[in-house]
């Protein structure tokens, strides 16, 4: 048999050398496929899910001072890149806070939002104005919930949430929009103007109708000029049953202006005193005469040159004479 002692000696010598150098210790030598430990300062990327428990509308979660945020209904997801040992505090628009850790297996930020209360209801008035229209028109909201009817305009109360846009349509074929904000507003409709009627040569077109300005009490003398109660339109002027025009009163067979008539001041037969005048239907004292003037009755005059009061009141010069320096004189031939 062949002696194996030299081979065994060489193997044991190699083993001793490797142990002495420290590179053959199985307790300290890593396997080539063994996982490497990660540094706590390493940067990693994780997906974070925000859950909005109990919410029925879109919510947002974010980290203060960071760009990370997402928005969604019930849940949303956002990609976060940060160091492995970091934690982040999230805040949601429905209130509350949640904490996530980059190294954790479960990375969910959960918020107890609760049901979202409906926004408050606002009520306002809308006045529908029907431009050019001469007949009854109707304005109605697109959903048919609100509406009103009128010749020139009408008013209706509407309710909704702030910011709601309401579309209106009219029976004259035009439409418009209003926005609910709690303030009363107008809805203007530019209705087509009707064609002018065919009138006689003695008539005029007033508000889309033919009118005789000489006899029409609603268009007396001109379109829109209405006679007051008790007056009729005669020859284009408003007159009462006695034929007195507007502003005059029938007194003792004559039409009088009782605002300024001293014999019928404020009413028929009410006379002012000698030194009084009628002003706005009331008797008031006459104002004083100017310097060098003399009052003769209710008139202030210059006696030096008044041929009806020449030198004194009621001193009337004869026909053809003139008053000079208070004396009636005849012209020089």
Protein backbone atom coordinates (compact mmCIF):
# COMPACT_ATOMS: atom_id res chain seq x y z
CA UNK A 1 0.00 0.00 0.00
CA UNK A 2 1.17 3.53 -0.82
CA UNK A 3 2.12 5.73 2.16
CA UNK A 4 -0.42 8.74 2.48
CA UNK A 5 1.41 10.59 5.25
CA UNK A 6 2.95 13.36 3.03
CA UNK A 7 -0.45 14.27 1.55
CA UNK A 8 -2.08 14.52 4.96
CA UNK A 9 0.79 16.69 6.18
CA UNK A 10 0.42 19.14 3.29
CA UNK A 11 -3.38 19.49 3.89
CA UNK A 12 -2.98 20.18 7.59
CA UNK A 13 -0.25 22.75 6.88
CA UNK A 14 -2.48 24.67 4.46
CA UNK A 15 -5.35 24.66 6.95
CA UNK A 16 -3.12 26.10 9.65
CA UNK A 17 -1.85 28.90 7.43
CA UNK A 18 -5.36 29.95 6.38
CA UNK A 19 -6.61 30.03 9.96
CA UNK A 20 -3.69 32.10 11.08
CA UNK A 21 -4.32 34.69 8.36
CA UNK A 22 -8.06 34.96 9.23
CA UNK A 23 -9.48 34.36 5.76
CA UNK A 24 -10.70 30.79 6.29
CA UNK A 25 -12.79 31.26 9.44
CA UNK A 26 -16.36 30.23 8.45
CA UNK A 27 -17.80 32.36 11.27
CA UNK A 28 -16.36 35.57 9.79
CA UNK A 29 -16.27 34.86 6.07
CA UNK A 30 -19.60 35.82 4.32
CA UNK A 31 -21.10 33.65 1.67
CA UNK A 32 -21.11 35.15 -1.81
CA UNK A 33 -24.96 35.08 -1.96
CA UNK A 34 -25.70 36.27 1.58
CA UNK A 35 -27.96 39.48 1.83
CA UNK A 36 -26.18 42.72 2.67
CA UNK A 37 -27.46 44.87 5.61
CA UNK A 38 -28.89 48.31 4.54
CA UNK A 39 -27.57 51.51 6.04
CA UNK A 40 -30.15 53.44 8.13
CA UNK A 41 -29.35 56.54 6.00
CA UNK A 42 -30.10 54.82 2.70
CA UNK A 43 -32.74 56.46 0.45
CA UNK A 44 -35.71 54.29 -0.53
CA UNK A 45 -39.01 54.79 -2.39
CA UNK A 46 -42.33 53.57 -0.99
CA UNK A 47 -46.01 53.91 -1.96
CA UNK A 48 -48.12 55.53 0.78
CA UNK A 49 -51.89 55.11 0.79
CA UNK A 50 -54.16 57.69 2.42
CA UNK A 51 -57.55 56.40 3.54
CA UNK A 52 -60.42 58.85 4.16
CA UNK A 53 -62.76 56.76 6.28
CA UNK A 54 -66.39 57.91 6.22
CA UNK A 55 -65.92 60.64 3.61
CA UNK A 56 -68.17 60.83 0.57
CA UNK A 57 -66.31 63.51 -1.34
CA UNK A 58 -62.81 64.20 -2.65
CA UNK A 59 -60.17 64.74 0.06
CA UNK A 60 -56.43 65.53 0.05
CA UNK A 61 -53.63 64.36 2.35
CA UNK A 62 -50.17 65.94 2.51
CA UNK A 63 -47.02 66.18 4.60
CA UNK A 64 -46.30 69.68 5.92
CA UNK A 65 -43.31 71.28 4.24
CA UNK A 66 -43.05 68.49 1.65
CA UNK A 67 -44.30 68.12 -1.89
CA UNK A 68 -45.88 64.75 -1.20
CA UNK A 69 -49.67 64.81 -1.47
CA UNK A 70 -52.54 63.04 -3.21
CA UNK A 71 -56.26 63.56 -3.71
CA UNK A 72 -59.10 61.11 -4.07
CA UNK A 73 -62.46 59.82 -2.88
CA UNK A 74 -62.12 57.21 -0.11
CA UNK A 75 -58.39 56.58 -0.88
CA UNK A 76 -55.41 57.90 -2.83
CA UNK A 77 -51.78 56.84 -3.29
CA UNK A 78 -48.57 58.83 -3.45
CA UNK A 79 -44.96 57.75 -4.10
CA UNK A 80 -42.50 58.92 -1.39
CA UNK A 81 -38.71 58.86 -1.65
CA UNK A 82 -36.92 59.36 1.69
CA UNK A 83 -34.42 57.80 4.10
CA UNK A 84 -35.29 54.40 5.53
CA UNK A 85 -35.37 55.57 9.15
CA UNK A 86 -37.74 58.54 8.51
CA UNK A 87 -41.29 58.91 9.75
CA UNK A 88 -43.82 61.30 8.24
CA UNK A 89 -46.88 63.00 9.73
CA UNK A 90 -49.76 63.40 7.26
CA UNK A 91 -52.69 65.81 7.47
CA UNK A 92 -55.98 65.54 5.58
CA UNK A 93 -58.48 68.14 4.42
CA UNK A 94 -61.18 66.44 6.47
CA UNK A 95 -59.11 66.98 9.64
CA UNK A 96 -56.87 64.79 11.75
CA UNK A 97 -53.30 63.45 11.46
CA UNK A 98 -51.69 60.08 10.66
CA UNK A 99 -48.08 58.80 10.88
CA UNK A 100 -46.23 56.49 8.49
CA UNK A 101 -42.72 54.95 8.69
CA UNK A 102 -40.61 54.29 5.60
CA UNK A 103 -39.28 50.99 7.03
CA UNK A 104 -42.70 49.63 8.07
CA UNK A 105 -44.34 46.80 6.15
CA UNK A 106 -47.70 48.59 6.15
CA UNK A 107 -47.59 52.19 4.98
CA UNK A 108 -51.17 53.50 5.36
CA UNK A 109 -52.23 56.94 6.62
CA UNK A 110 -55.76 56.45 7.94
CA UNK A 111 -58.13 59.37 8.70
CA UNK A 112 -61.56 59.24 10.35
CA UNK A 113 -63.35 61.86 8.28
CA UNK A 114 -66.97 61.02 9.02
CA UNK A 115 -69.84 61.96 6.69
CA UNK A 116 -69.46 65.33 4.95
CA UNK A 117 -72.38 67.65 5.82
CA UNK A 118 -74.18 69.19 2.86
CA UNK A 119 -73.36 72.86 2.18
CA UNK A 120 -75.93 75.42 3.41
CA UNK A 121 -78.81 76.49 1.18
CA UNK A 122 -78.96 80.12 0.00
CA UNK A 123 -82.16 81.91 -1.09
CA UNK A 124 -82.27 85.01 -3.29
CA UNK A 125 -84.71 86.88 -5.55
CA UNK A 126 -84.30 87.02 -9.32
CA UNK A 127 -86.14 89.65 -11.38
CA UNK A 128 -86.77 88.52 -14.95
CA UNK A 129 -86.87 91.51 -17.33
CA UNK A 130 -88.43 91.02 -20.77
CA UNK A 131 -86.95 93.71 -23.03
CA UNK A 132 -89.11 94.90 -25.96
CA UNK A 133 -91.99 92.62 -24.98
CA UNK A 134 -95.53 94.08 -24.95
CA UNK A 135 -97.34 90.97 -23.77
CA UNK A 136 -97.11 88.49 -20.91
CA UNK A 137 -93.89 86.49 -20.91
CA UNK A 138 -92.65 83.67 -18.66
CA UNK A 139 -89.14 82.88 -17.40
CA UNK A 140 -88.35 79.38 -16.12
CA UNK A 141 -85.28 77.59 -14.76
CA UNK A 142 -83.92 74.70 -16.84
CA UNK A 143 -85.14 72.16 -14.27
CA UNK A 144 -88.62 73.73 -14.26
CA UNK A 145 -88.50 74.27 -10.48
CA UNK A 146 -88.74 78.06 -10.50
CA UNK A 147 -90.48 80.56 -12.75
CA UNK A 148 -92.75 83.62 -12.99
CA UNK A 149 -94.89 85.50 -15.52
CA UNK A 150 -95.25 89.23 -16.25
CA UNK A 151 -95.64 91.80 -19.03
CA UNK A 152 -92.43 93.80 -18.55
CA UNK A 153 -90.89 91.88 -15.66
CA UNK A 154 -91.60 89.45 -12.81
CA UNK A 155 -89.82 88.37 -9.61
CA UNK A 156 -89.24 84.84 -8.28
CA UNK A 157 -87.33 83.48 -5.25
CA UNK A 158 -84.78 80.71 -5.93
CA UNK A 159 -82.76 78.51 -3.56
CA UNK A 160 -79.54 76.55 -3.95
CA UNK A 161 -75.92 76.31 -2.89
CA UNK A 162 -73.45 79.17 -3.28
CA UNK A 163 -71.86 79.03 -6.70
CA UNK A 164 -74.68 77.09 -8.35
CA UNK A 165 -75.25 78.27 -11.93
CA UNK A 166 -78.93 78.55 -12.89
CA UNK A 167 -79.93 78.62 -16.54
CA UNK A 168 -83.08 80.56 -17.40
CA UNK A 169 -85.23 80.38 -20.50
CA UNK A 170 -88.05 82.71 -21.52
CA UNK A 171 -91.21 82.28 -23.55
CA UNK A 172 -89.92 84.92 -25.99
CA UNK A 173 -87.17 82.53 -27.05
CA UNK A 174 -84.06 83.90 -25.30
CA UNK A 175 -82.01 82.54 -22.37
CA UNK A 176 -79.54 83.72 -19.73
CA UNK A 177 -77.73 82.53 -16.58
CA UNK A 178 -77.43 83.63 -12.95
CA UNK A 179 -75.13 82.43 -10.14
CA UNK A 180 -76.42 81.91 -6.59
CA UNK A 181 -74.51 84.05 -4.09
CA UNK A 182 -77.23 85.34 -1.74
CA UNK A 183 -77.61 88.69 -3.57
CA UNK A 184 -80.77 89.65 -5.46
CA UNK A 185 -80.17 90.01 -9.19
CA UNK A 186 -81.67 90.47 -12.66
CA UNK A 187 -82.15 88.00 -15.49
CA UNK A 188 -82.38 90.03 -18.71
CA UNK A 189 -84.08 88.64 -21.80
CA UNK A 190 -83.67 90.51 -25.10
CA UNK A 191 -87.06 89.60 -26.55
CA UNK A 192 -87.62 90.35 -30.26
CA UNK A 193 -89.42 93.66 -30.77
CA UNK A 194 -92.88 93.22 -32.35
CA UNK A 195 -93.53 94.99 -35.67
CA UNK A 196 -95.24 98.39 -35.52
CA UNK A 197 -98.97 98.28 -36.23
CA UNK A 198 -100.46 100.04 -39.25
CA UNK A 199 -102.00 103.29 -37.99
CA UNK A 200 -104.09 105.99 -39.64
CA UNK A 201 -102.47 109.36 -40.53
CA UNK A 202 -104.05 110.90 -37.39
CA UNK A 203 -102.62 108.26 -35.07
CA UNK A 204 -99.20 107.62 -33.58
CA UNK A 205 -97.52 104.36 -32.48
CA UNK A 206 -97.31 104.41 -28.67
CA UNK A 207 -95.88 101.36 -26.91
CA UNK A 208 -96.65 99.20 -29.93
CA UNK A 209 -100.25 100.40 -30.29
CA UNK A 210 -102.02 103.02 -32.40
CA UNK A 211 -103.11 106.06 -30.36
CA UNK A 212 -104.95 109.29 -31.21
CA UNK A 213 -102.91 111.92 -29.34
CA UNK A 214 -105.86 114.33 -29.48
CA UNK A 215 -108.29 112.08 -27.58
CA UNK A 216 -106.31 109.25 -25.92
CA UNK A 217 -106.24 109.93 -22.16
CA UNK A 218 -103.21 107.62 -21.78
CA UNK A 219 -101.31 109.38 -24.56
CA UNK A 220 -102.67 112.94 -24.50
CA UNK A 221 -100.64 115.21 -26.79
CA UNK A 222 -97.72 112.75 -26.72
CA UNK A 223 -97.04 109.11 -26.03
CA UNK A 224 -97.14 108.24 -22.33
CA UNK A 225 -98.78 111.51 -21.19
CA UNK A 226 -101.66 110.25 -19.01
CA UNK A 227 -104.52 112.46 -17.85
CA UNK A 228 -105.25 112.39 -14.10
CA UNK A 229 -108.46 110.97 -12.70
CA UNK A 230 -111.47 113.10 -13.65
CA UNK A 231 -109.80 114.55 -16.76
CA UNK A 232 -110.29 113.71 -20.41
CA UNK A 233 -108.06 114.31 -23.39
CA UNK A 234 -109.49 117.08 -25.57
CA UNK A 235 -107.52 118.44 -28.52
CA UNK A 236 -104.33 116.99 -27.06
CA UNK A 237 -104.82 118.52 -23.58
CA UNK A 238 -106.22 117.00 -20.40
CA UNK A 239 -109.47 118.81 -19.51
CA UNK A 240 -112.12 118.33 -16.85
CA UNK A 241 -115.87 118.18 -17.46
CA UNK A 242 -116.00 122.02 -17.71
CA UNK A 243 -113.32 122.11 -20.35
CA UNK A 244 -110.59 123.43 -18.06
CA UNK A 245 -107.19 122.06 -18.95
CA UNK A 246 -104.94 120.35 -16.44
CA UNK A 247 -103.73 122.82 -13.80
CA UNK A 248 -106.86 125.01 -14.02
CA UNK A 249 -110.05 124.85 -11.97
CA UNK A 250 -113.56 125.91 -13.02
CA UNK A 251 -114.65 128.84 -10.79
CA UNK A 252 -117.75 130.99 -11.50
CA UNK A 253 -117.83 130.30 -15.20
CA UNK A 254 -114.07 130.64 -15.74
CA UNK A 255 -111.05 128.36 -15.59
CA UNK A 256 -108.79 129.66 -12.83
CA UNK A 257 -105.32 128.78 -11.59
CA UNK A 258 -106.09 128.52 -7.90
CA UNK A 259 -102.37 128.43 -7.12
CA UNK A 260 -101.92 132.11 -8.09
CA UNK A 261 -105.42 133.66 -8.43
CA UNK A 262 -105.89 136.13 -5.50
CA UNK A 263 -109.69 135.91 -5.90
CA UNK A 264 -109.65 132.09 -5.88
CA UNK A 265 -106.56 131.26 -3.82
CA UNK A 266 -106.42 127.54 -3.06
CA UNK A 267 -110.08 127.19 -3.94
CA UNK A 268 -112.95 128.93 -5.69
CA UNK A 269 -114.09 132.14 -3.91
CA UNK A 270 -111.15 132.37 -1.48
CA UNK A 271 -109.95 135.99 -1.76
CA UNK A 272 -106.71 137.39 -0.43
CA UNK A 273 -106.57 140.74 1.41
CA UNK A 274 -105.56 143.96 -0.34
CA UNK A 275 -101.90 143.72 0.69
CA UNK A 276 -101.69 139.99 0.10
CA UNK A 277 -100.84 137.84 -2.91
CA UNK A 278 -101.66 134.22 -3.81
CA UNK A 279 -98.62 131.97 -3.87
CA UNK A 280 -98.88 128.18 -4.24
CA UNK A 281 -102.55 128.37 -3.24
CA UNK A 282 -101.93 130.42 -0.06
CA UNK A 283 -102.41 134.13 0.71
CA UNK A 284 -99.11 135.70 1.73
CA UNK A 285 -98.07 139.35 2.43
CA UNK A 286 -96.92 141.34 -0.56
CA UNK A 287 -93.19 142.01 -0.67
CA UNK A 288 -92.03 145.64 -0.07
CA UNK A 289 -91.58 147.92 -3.09
CA UNK A 290 -88.18 148.92 -4.35
CA UNK A 291 -86.70 152.37 -3.64
CA UNK A 292 -88.50 155.29 -5.40
CA UNK A 293 -91.51 153.03 -6.05
CA UNK A 294 -95.03 153.44 -4.63
CA UNK A 295 -97.57 150.69 -4.06
CA UNK A 296 -100.83 151.28 -5.84
CA UNK A 297 -103.13 148.43 -4.97
CA UNK A 298 -101.02 145.32 -5.39
CA UNK A 299 -98.71 146.94 -7.88
CA UNK A 300 -95.41 148.72 -7.24
CA UNK A 301 -94.94 151.62 -9.67
CA UNK A 302 -93.02 154.85 -10.39
CA UNK A 303 -95.51 157.73 -10.00
CA UNK A 304 -93.18 159.98 -11.99
CA UNK A 305 -93.75 158.08 -15.22
CA UNK A 306 -96.76 155.75 -14.81
CA UNK A 307 -99.54 157.19 -17.01
CA UNK A 308 -102.07 155.15 -15.01
CA UNK A 309 -100.79 156.48 -11.67
CA UNK A 310 -99.23 159.78 -12.65
CA UNK A 311 -98.12 161.67 -9.54
CA UNK A 312 -100.46 159.60 -7.34
CA UNK A 313 -102.26 156.27 -7.35
CA UNK A 314 -105.16 155.99 -9.79
CA UNK A 315 -104.33 159.37 -11.41
CA UNK A 316 -104.71 158.34 -15.02
CA UNK A 317 -103.58 160.56 -17.87
CA UNK A 318 -105.96 161.29 -20.73
CA UNK A 319 -105.68 159.53 -24.03
CA UNK A 320 -102.61 160.69 -25.92
CA UNK A 321 -100.93 162.17 -22.83
CA UNK A 322 -97.84 160.88 -21.13
CA UNK A 323 -96.63 161.11 -17.54
CA UNK A 324 -93.51 163.20 -17.15
CA UNK A 325 -92.09 163.93 -13.70
CA UNK A 326 -95.51 163.01 -12.25
CA UNK A 327 -97.46 165.40 -14.54
CA UNK A 328 -99.69 164.44 -17.47
CA UNK A 329 -98.49 166.36 -20.54
CA UNK A 330 -99.45 166.44 -24.17
CA UNK A 331 -96.86 165.86 -26.86
CA UNK A 332 -95.35 169.01 -28.39
CA UNK A 333 -96.79 169.64 -31.95
